[in-house]
């Protein structure tokens, strides 16, 4: 089971229940079980740029950032008793709209893709090599298909 704490405004075409469903699917696909939580923050360009500069040293707007908390850190979950807070996903709402328009994808699909992408990073997946990218992107596709987004 996974709980998702959401701050900020979801795109009108994305429901809270869809966000939770995506998180649960990503947990299952990544082999995470037990009571866990993640946070999703939807922010503006200024905030995502500030975070990107502070934590990655890149002074520009990005679409999604993930901040994971490995279980060995002992960061217990204040929302889910006995659970572990796995981390935070931060998505820039204006960037989602720009990217969706640029590639001709619905805003809801782009948002869900970025949320899943961020979640998979929290669960230890990455795209830093061709092999790892292939695995991660296949999981993204599977999660989106299982949730009915694609």
N, C-alpha and C. Protein backbone atom coordinates (compact mmCIF):
# COMPACT_ATOMS: atom_id res chain seq x y z
N UNK A 1 0.84 -1.18 0.00
CA UNK A 1 0.00 0.00 0.00
C UNK A 1 0.88 1.24 0.00
N UNK A 2 0.47 2.25 -0.74
CA UNK A 2 1.20 3.51 -0.77
C UNK A 2 0.21 4.66 -0.64
N UNK A 3 0.60 5.64 0.12
CA UNK A 3 -0.18 6.85 0.30
C UNK A 3 0.54 7.98 -0.43
N UNK A 4 -0.22 8.83 -1.09
CA UNK A 4 0.37 9.96 -1.80
C UNK A 4 -0.17 11.25 -1.19
N UNK A 5 0.74 12.07 -0.69
CA UNK A 5 0.39 13.40 -0.19
C UNK A 5 0.61 14.38 -1.32
N UNK A 6 -0.42 15.13 -1.69
CA UNK A 6 -0.33 16.04 -2.83
C UNK A 6 -0.43 17.48 -2.36
N UNK A 7 0.52 18.30 -2.82
CA UNK A 7 0.41 19.74 -2.58
C UNK A 7 0.49 20.44 -3.93
N UNK A 8 -0.27 21.50 -4.07
CA UNK A 8 -0.37 22.19 -5.34
C UNK A 8 -1.58 21.69 -6.10
N UNK A 9 -1.75 22.22 -7.29
CA UNK A 9 -2.95 21.92 -8.08
C UNK A 9 -2.64 20.93 -9.20
N UNK A 10 -3.35 19.79 -9.16
CA UNK A 10 -3.25 18.82 -10.24
C UNK A 10 -3.88 19.39 -11.51
N UNK A 11 -3.41 18.98 -12.68
CA UNK A 11 -4.12 19.37 -13.90
C UNK A 11 -5.57 18.90 -13.80
N UNK A 12 -6.48 19.66 -14.36
CA UNK A 12 -7.91 19.34 -14.22
C UNK A 12 -8.28 17.96 -14.75
N UNK A 13 -7.49 17.43 -15.66
CA UNK A 13 -7.79 16.12 -16.25
C UNK A 13 -7.15 14.96 -15.48
N UNK A 14 -6.46 15.26 -14.39
CA UNK A 14 -5.80 14.22 -13.58
C UNK A 14 -6.44 14.19 -12.20
N UNK A 15 -7.01 13.05 -11.83
CA UNK A 15 -7.66 12.93 -10.52
C UNK A 15 -6.69 12.43 -9.47
N UNK A 16 -7.04 12.69 -8.24
CA UNK A 16 -6.24 12.18 -7.12
C UNK A 16 -6.20 10.65 -7.15
N UNK A 17 -7.32 10.05 -7.48
CA UNK A 17 -7.36 8.58 -7.51
C UNK A 17 -6.43 8.03 -8.59
N UNK A 18 -6.29 8.71 -9.71
CA UNK A 18 -5.35 8.27 -10.74
C UNK A 18 -3.91 8.37 -10.24
N UNK A 19 -3.60 9.42 -9.54
CA UNK A 19 -2.25 9.59 -8.98
C UNK A 19 -1.94 8.45 -8.02
N UNK A 20 -2.87 8.13 -7.15
CA UNK A 20 -2.67 7.03 -6.21
C UNK A 20 -2.54 5.70 -6.95
N UNK A 21 -3.38 5.48 -7.94
CA UNK A 21 -3.31 4.25 -8.73
C UNK A 21 -1.94 4.12 -9.40
N UNK A 22 -1.42 5.19 -9.98
CA UNK A 22 -0.10 5.16 -10.60
C UNK A 22 0.98 4.84 -9.57
N UNK A 23 0.87 5.42 -8.39
CA UNK A 23 1.86 5.16 -7.34
C UNK A 23 1.83 3.69 -6.92
N UNK A 24 0.65 3.14 -6.77
CA UNK A 24 0.52 1.73 -6.38
C UNK A 24 1.07 0.81 -7.46
N UNK A 25 0.79 1.11 -8.70
CA UNK A 25 1.31 0.29 -9.81
C UNK A 25 2.84 0.36 -9.83
N UNK A 26 3.40 1.55 -9.68
CA UNK A 26 4.86 1.69 -9.67
C UNK A 26 5.49 0.94 -8.51
N UNK A 27 4.84 0.97 -7.35
CA UNK A 27 5.34 0.19 -6.20
C UNK A 27 5.37 -1.29 -6.54
N UNK A 28 4.28 -1.78 -7.08
CA UNK A 28 4.20 -3.21 -7.44
C UNK A 28 5.25 -3.58 -8.48
N UNK A 29 5.37 -2.78 -9.53
CA UNK A 29 6.34 -3.07 -10.59
C UNK A 29 7.78 -3.03 -10.09
N UNK A 30 8.01 -2.23 -9.04
CA UNK A 30 9.37 -2.07 -8.50
C UNK A 30 9.64 -2.97 -7.31
N UNK A 31 8.65 -3.78 -6.91
CA UNK A 31 8.85 -4.72 -5.83
C UNK A 31 8.76 -4.12 -4.44
N UNK A 32 8.10 -2.97 -4.31
CA UNK A 32 7.93 -2.35 -3.00
C UNK A 32 6.58 -2.78 -2.43
N UNK A 33 6.60 -3.19 -1.18
CA UNK A 33 5.35 -3.55 -0.52
C UNK A 33 5.37 -2.94 0.87
N UNK A 34 4.30 -3.14 1.57
CA UNK A 34 4.22 -2.58 2.90
C UNK A 34 3.68 -1.17 2.86
N UNK A 35 3.49 -0.59 4.03
CA UNK A 35 2.95 0.77 4.08
C UNK A 35 4.04 1.79 3.76
N UNK A 36 3.87 2.49 2.67
CA UNK A 36 4.82 3.52 2.25
C UNK A 36 4.05 4.77 1.85
N UNK A 37 4.78 5.88 1.77
CA UNK A 37 4.17 7.09 1.25
C UNK A 37 5.18 7.82 0.38
N UNK A 38 4.63 8.65 -0.49
CA UNK A 38 5.41 9.57 -1.31
C UNK A 38 4.68 10.91 -1.29
N UNK A 39 5.43 11.96 -1.55
CA UNK A 39 4.83 13.29 -1.66
C UNK A 39 4.93 13.76 -3.10
N UNK A 40 3.89 14.41 -3.57
CA UNK A 40 3.88 15.02 -4.89
C UNK A 40 3.60 16.50 -4.71
N UNK A 41 4.51 17.31 -5.20
CA UNK A 41 4.33 18.76 -5.16
C UNK A 41 4.27 19.29 -6.58
N UNK A 42 3.23 20.06 -6.86
CA UNK A 42 3.10 20.70 -8.16
C UNK A 42 3.45 22.16 -7.94
N UNK A 43 4.48 22.62 -8.66
CA UNK A 43 5.03 23.95 -8.41
C UNK A 43 5.11 24.77 -9.69
N UNK A 44 5.48 26.04 -9.53
CA UNK A 44 5.65 26.91 -10.69
C UNK A 44 7.10 26.88 -11.17
N UNK A 45 7.36 27.57 -12.28
CA UNK A 45 8.70 27.58 -12.88
C UNK A 45 9.76 28.11 -11.92
N UNK A 46 9.42 29.15 -11.20
CA UNK A 46 10.40 29.75 -10.28
C UNK A 46 10.87 28.75 -9.22
N UNK A 47 9.92 28.01 -8.66
CA UNK A 47 10.27 27.05 -7.60
C UNK A 47 11.07 25.87 -8.15
N UNK A 48 10.69 25.32 -9.29
CA UNK A 48 11.43 24.17 -9.83
C UNK A 48 12.83 24.60 -10.23
N UNK A 49 12.96 25.82 -10.74
CA UNK A 49 14.30 26.33 -11.10
C UNK A 49 15.16 26.48 -9.85
N UNK A 50 14.57 27.01 -8.78
CA UNK A 50 15.30 27.17 -7.51
C UNK A 50 15.78 25.81 -6.99
N UNK A 51 14.90 24.83 -7.01
CA UNK A 51 15.25 23.49 -6.54
C UNK A 51 16.31 22.85 -7.43
N UNK A 52 16.16 23.00 -8.74
CA UNK A 52 17.10 22.43 -9.68
C UNK A 52 18.50 23.03 -9.48
N UNK A 53 18.55 24.33 -9.25
CA UNK A 53 19.84 24.99 -9.01
C UNK A 53 20.44 24.54 -7.67
N UNK A 54 19.62 24.50 -6.66
CA UNK A 54 20.12 24.15 -5.32
C UNK A 54 20.61 22.70 -5.23
N UNK A 55 19.85 21.78 -5.78
CA UNK A 55 20.17 20.37 -5.58
C UNK A 55 20.92 19.71 -6.73
N UNK A 56 20.86 20.31 -7.92
CA UNK A 56 21.56 19.71 -9.06
C UNK A 56 22.59 20.65 -9.67
N UNK A 57 22.62 21.90 -9.19
CA UNK A 57 23.57 22.86 -9.73
C UNK A 57 23.24 23.32 -11.14
N UNK A 58 21.99 23.14 -11.56
CA UNK A 58 21.56 23.52 -12.91
C UNK A 58 20.55 24.66 -12.79
N UNK A 59 20.93 25.83 -13.28
CA UNK A 59 20.10 27.01 -13.12
C UNK A 59 19.13 27.17 -14.30
N UNK A 60 18.16 26.25 -14.36
CA UNK A 60 17.13 26.35 -15.39
C UNK A 60 15.90 25.56 -14.95
N UNK A 61 14.81 25.85 -15.62
CA UNK A 61 13.55 25.15 -15.35
C UNK A 61 13.68 23.72 -15.87
N UNK A 62 13.16 22.79 -15.11
CA UNK A 62 13.08 21.39 -15.54
C UNK A 62 11.64 20.92 -15.34
N UNK A 63 11.34 19.72 -15.76
CA UNK A 63 9.97 19.24 -15.67
C UNK A 63 9.67 18.50 -14.37
N UNK A 64 10.59 17.64 -13.93
CA UNK A 64 10.35 16.83 -12.74
C UNK A 64 11.65 16.62 -11.99
N UNK A 65 11.55 16.64 -10.67
CA UNK A 65 12.67 16.31 -9.79
C UNK A 65 12.19 15.28 -8.78
N UNK A 66 13.10 14.39 -8.41
CA UNK A 66 12.80 13.37 -7.40
C UNK A 66 13.82 13.45 -6.29
N UNK A 67 13.34 13.35 -5.06
CA UNK A 67 14.21 13.35 -3.89
C UNK A 67 13.87 12.12 -3.07
N UNK A 68 14.71 11.11 -3.15
CA UNK A 68 14.44 9.84 -2.48
C UNK A 68 15.05 9.77 -1.10
N UNK A 69 14.44 8.96 -0.26
CA UNK A 69 14.92 8.71 1.09
C UNK A 69 15.06 7.21 1.26
N UNK A 70 16.29 6.69 1.17
CA UNK A 70 16.48 5.24 1.29
C UNK A 70 15.98 4.72 2.64
N UNK A 71 15.39 3.52 2.65
CA UNK A 71 14.85 2.96 3.89
C UNK A 71 15.87 2.90 5.02
N UNK A 72 17.15 2.72 4.68
CA UNK A 72 18.16 2.61 5.74
C UNK A 72 18.39 3.92 6.50
N UNK A 73 17.85 5.03 5.99
CA UNK A 73 18.00 6.29 6.71
C UNK A 73 17.10 6.33 7.94
N UNK A 74 16.11 5.46 7.96
CA UNK A 74 15.22 5.41 9.12
C UNK A 74 14.19 6.52 9.13
N UNK A 75 13.93 7.14 7.98
CA UNK A 75 12.94 8.21 7.90
C UNK A 75 11.56 7.59 7.95
N UNK A 76 10.97 7.58 9.13
CA UNK A 76 9.66 6.96 9.28
C UNK A 76 8.58 7.90 8.75
N UNK A 77 7.47 7.32 8.45
CA UNK A 77 6.39 8.05 7.82
C UNK A 77 5.43 8.61 8.86
N UNK A 78 5.27 9.94 8.91
CA UNK A 78 4.33 10.51 9.87
C UNK A 78 2.88 10.30 9.45
N UNK A 79 2.64 9.98 8.17
CA UNK A 79 1.27 9.83 7.66
C UNK A 79 0.80 8.39 7.77
N UNK A 80 1.71 7.44 7.50
CA UNK A 80 1.35 6.03 7.51
C UNK A 80 2.08 5.35 8.68
N UNK A 81 1.38 5.05 9.78
CA UNK A 81 2.03 4.44 10.93
C UNK A 81 2.76 3.15 10.54
N UNK A 82 4.02 3.04 10.95
CA UNK A 82 4.82 1.87 10.65
C UNK A 82 5.37 1.86 9.24
N UNK A 83 5.11 2.92 8.50
CA UNK A 83 5.54 2.98 7.11
C UNK A 83 6.81 3.77 6.92
N UNK A 84 7.22 3.82 5.68
CA UNK A 84 8.43 4.53 5.30
C UNK A 84 8.07 5.57 4.24
N UNK A 85 8.57 6.78 4.43
CA UNK A 85 8.38 7.81 3.42
C UNK A 85 9.50 7.63 2.39
N UNK A 86 9.12 7.30 1.15
CA UNK A 86 10.10 6.96 0.12
C UNK A 86 10.70 8.18 -0.56
N UNK A 87 10.00 9.31 -0.50
CA UNK A 87 10.57 10.51 -1.09
C UNK A 87 9.52 11.44 -1.67
N UNK A 88 10.06 12.43 -2.39
CA UNK A 88 9.22 13.49 -2.93
C UNK A 88 9.42 13.60 -4.44
N UNK A 89 8.33 13.81 -5.14
CA UNK A 89 8.35 14.10 -6.57
C UNK A 89 7.82 15.52 -6.73
N UNK A 90 8.57 16.34 -7.47
CA UNK A 90 8.19 17.73 -7.70
C UNK A 90 8.02 17.92 -9.21
N UNK A 91 6.86 18.42 -9.61
CA UNK A 91 6.56 18.61 -11.03
C UNK A 91 6.21 20.08 -11.28
N UNK A 92 6.78 20.63 -12.35
CA UNK A 92 6.50 22.02 -12.74
C UNK A 92 5.30 22.05 -13.69
N UNK A 93 4.20 22.61 -13.23
CA UNK A 93 2.96 22.56 -14.00
C UNK A 93 3.05 23.29 -15.34
N UNK A 94 3.66 24.46 -15.37
CA UNK A 94 3.76 25.20 -16.64
C UNK A 94 4.65 24.46 -17.64
N UNK A 95 5.70 23.83 -17.15
CA UNK A 95 6.59 23.07 -18.02
C UNK A 95 5.86 21.85 -18.60
N UNK A 96 5.00 21.24 -17.81
CA UNK A 96 4.20 20.12 -18.31
C UNK A 96 3.35 20.58 -19.50
N UNK A 97 2.70 21.72 -19.34
CA UNK A 97 1.85 22.24 -20.42
C UNK A 97 2.67 22.57 -21.66
N UNK A 98 3.84 23.18 -21.48
CA UNK A 98 4.70 23.53 -22.62
C UNK A 98 5.17 22.28 -23.35
N UNK A 99 5.63 21.30 -22.59
CA UNK A 99 6.12 20.06 -23.21
C UNK A 99 5.02 19.32 -23.93
N UNK A 100 3.86 19.24 -23.31
CA UNK A 100 2.74 18.55 -23.94
C UNK A 100 2.38 19.21 -25.26
N UNK A 101 2.33 20.54 -25.28
CA UNK A 101 2.01 21.26 -26.51
C UNK A 101 3.09 21.05 -27.57
N UNK A 102 4.34 21.05 -27.15
CA UNK A 102 5.45 20.91 -28.10
C UNK A 102 5.46 19.56 -28.79
N UNK A 103 5.04 18.51 -28.09
CA UNK A 103 5.09 17.17 -28.69
C UNK A 103 3.71 16.64 -29.09
N UNK A 104 2.69 17.46 -28.87
CA UNK A 104 1.34 17.05 -29.28
C UNK A 104 0.73 15.96 -28.41
N UNK A 105 1.08 15.96 -27.14
CA UNK A 105 0.56 14.96 -26.20
C UNK A 105 -0.43 15.66 -25.26
N UNK A 106 -1.50 15.01 -24.88
CA UNK A 106 -2.42 15.61 -23.90
C UNK A 106 -1.70 15.92 -22.59
N UNK A 107 -2.07 17.02 -21.97
CA UNK A 107 -1.45 17.46 -20.72
C UNK A 107 -1.54 16.37 -19.66
N UNK A 108 -2.67 15.70 -19.56
CA UNK A 108 -2.84 14.65 -18.56
C UNK A 108 -1.85 13.51 -18.75
N UNK A 109 -1.63 13.10 -19.98
CA UNK A 109 -0.66 12.04 -20.25
C UNK A 109 0.75 12.48 -19.89
N UNK A 110 1.10 13.71 -20.26
CA UNK A 110 2.44 14.21 -19.96
C UNK A 110 2.66 14.29 -18.45
N UNK A 111 1.67 14.78 -17.73
CA UNK A 111 1.78 14.87 -16.27
C UNK A 111 1.96 13.48 -15.67
N UNK A 112 1.14 12.54 -16.09
CA UNK A 112 1.23 11.17 -15.55
C UNK A 112 2.57 10.53 -15.88
N UNK A 113 3.05 10.75 -17.09
CA UNK A 113 4.36 10.22 -17.47
C UNK A 113 5.45 10.77 -16.56
N UNK A 114 5.41 12.07 -16.30
CA UNK A 114 6.44 12.68 -15.44
C UNK A 114 6.31 12.19 -13.99
N UNK A 115 5.10 12.01 -13.52
CA UNK A 115 4.91 11.49 -12.16
C UNK A 115 5.47 10.07 -12.05
N UNK A 116 5.15 9.23 -13.01
CA UNK A 116 5.67 7.86 -13.02
C UNK A 116 7.19 7.89 -13.12
N UNK A 117 7.73 8.73 -13.98
CA UNK A 117 9.17 8.85 -14.14
C UNK A 117 9.83 9.20 -12.80
N UNK A 118 9.26 10.20 -12.13
CA UNK A 118 9.78 10.60 -10.83
C UNK A 118 9.68 9.50 -9.79
N UNK A 119 8.56 8.80 -9.77
CA UNK A 119 8.38 7.68 -8.84
C UNK A 119 9.42 6.59 -9.07
N UNK A 120 9.62 6.24 -10.33
CA UNK A 120 10.59 5.18 -10.62
C UNK A 120 11.99 5.56 -10.17
N UNK A 121 12.33 6.84 -10.24
CA UNK A 121 13.61 7.27 -9.68
C UNK A 121 13.63 7.02 -8.17
N UNK A 122 12.53 7.31 -7.48
CA UNK A 122 12.47 7.06 -6.04
C UNK A 122 12.68 5.59 -5.72
N UNK A 123 12.24 4.72 -6.60
CA UNK A 123 12.34 3.28 -6.39
C UNK A 123 13.65 2.70 -6.91
N UNK A 124 14.60 3.59 -7.24
CA UNK A 124 15.94 3.14 -7.59
C UNK A 124 16.22 2.95 -9.07
N UNK A 125 15.27 3.26 -9.92
CA UNK A 125 15.49 3.13 -11.36
C UNK A 125 16.16 4.38 -11.90
N UNK A 126 16.91 4.21 -12.99
CA UNK A 126 17.58 5.36 -13.60
C UNK A 126 17.73 5.11 -15.09
N UNK A 127 18.16 6.13 -15.79
CA UNK A 127 18.34 6.05 -17.24
C UNK A 127 19.73 6.55 -17.61
N UNK A 128 20.70 6.23 -16.76
CA UNK A 128 22.07 6.70 -16.97
C UNK A 128 22.89 5.80 -17.90
N UNK A 129 22.36 4.63 -18.23
CA UNK A 129 22.98 3.76 -19.23
C UNK A 129 21.87 3.28 -20.17
N UNK A 130 22.25 2.79 -21.32
CA UNK A 130 21.25 2.31 -22.27
C UNK A 130 20.44 1.17 -21.66
N UNK A 131 21.10 0.26 -20.98
CA UNK A 131 20.40 -0.89 -20.38
C UNK A 131 19.40 -0.43 -19.32
N UNK A 132 19.84 0.46 -18.43
CA UNK A 132 18.95 0.93 -17.36
C UNK A 132 17.82 1.79 -17.93
N UNK A 133 18.12 2.55 -18.97
CA UNK A 133 17.09 3.35 -19.61
C UNK A 133 16.01 2.45 -20.23
N UNK A 134 16.43 1.39 -20.87
CA UNK A 134 15.49 0.45 -21.48
C UNK A 134 14.55 -0.12 -20.42
N UNK A 135 15.11 -0.53 -19.30
CA UNK A 135 14.29 -1.09 -18.21
C UNK A 135 13.34 -0.03 -17.66
N UNK A 136 13.88 1.15 -17.35
CA UNK A 136 13.05 2.19 -16.74
C UNK A 136 11.93 2.63 -17.67
N UNK A 137 12.24 2.85 -18.93
CA UNK A 137 11.22 3.31 -19.86
C UNK A 137 10.17 2.24 -20.12
N UNK A 138 10.56 0.97 -20.08
CA UNK A 138 9.58 -0.11 -20.22
C UNK A 138 8.64 -0.13 -19.01
N UNK A 139 9.17 0.11 -17.83
CA UNK A 139 8.34 0.18 -16.63
C UNK A 139 7.39 1.37 -16.70
N UNK A 140 7.89 2.51 -17.19
CA UNK A 140 7.02 3.68 -17.36
C UNK A 140 5.83 3.33 -18.25
N UNK A 141 6.13 2.72 -19.38
CA UNK A 141 5.10 2.35 -20.34
C UNK A 141 4.10 1.39 -19.71
N UNK A 142 4.61 0.40 -19.01
CA UNK A 142 3.75 -0.60 -18.37
C UNK A 142 2.84 0.05 -17.33
N UNK A 143 3.39 0.92 -16.49
CA UNK A 143 2.59 1.58 -15.46
C UNK A 143 1.48 2.42 -16.08
N UNK A 144 1.83 3.18 -17.11
CA UNK A 144 0.83 4.03 -17.76
C UNK A 144 -0.25 3.20 -18.44
N UNK A 145 0.14 2.08 -19.02
CA UNK A 145 -0.85 1.20 -19.67
C UNK A 145 -1.76 0.55 -18.62
N UNK A 146 -1.18 0.05 -17.53
CA UNK A 146 -1.98 -0.58 -16.49
C UNK A 146 -2.99 0.39 -15.88
N UNK A 147 -2.60 1.66 -15.80
CA UNK A 147 -3.48 2.67 -15.20
C UNK A 147 -4.51 3.20 -16.21
N UNK A 148 -4.37 2.78 -17.47
CA UNK A 148 -5.31 3.25 -18.49
C UNK A 148 -5.01 4.64 -19.02
N UNK A 149 -3.79 5.13 -18.78
CA UNK A 149 -3.40 6.45 -19.28
C UNK A 149 -3.06 6.37 -20.76
N UNK A 150 -2.46 5.25 -21.16
CA UNK A 150 -2.12 5.03 -22.58
C UNK A 150 -3.02 3.95 -23.15
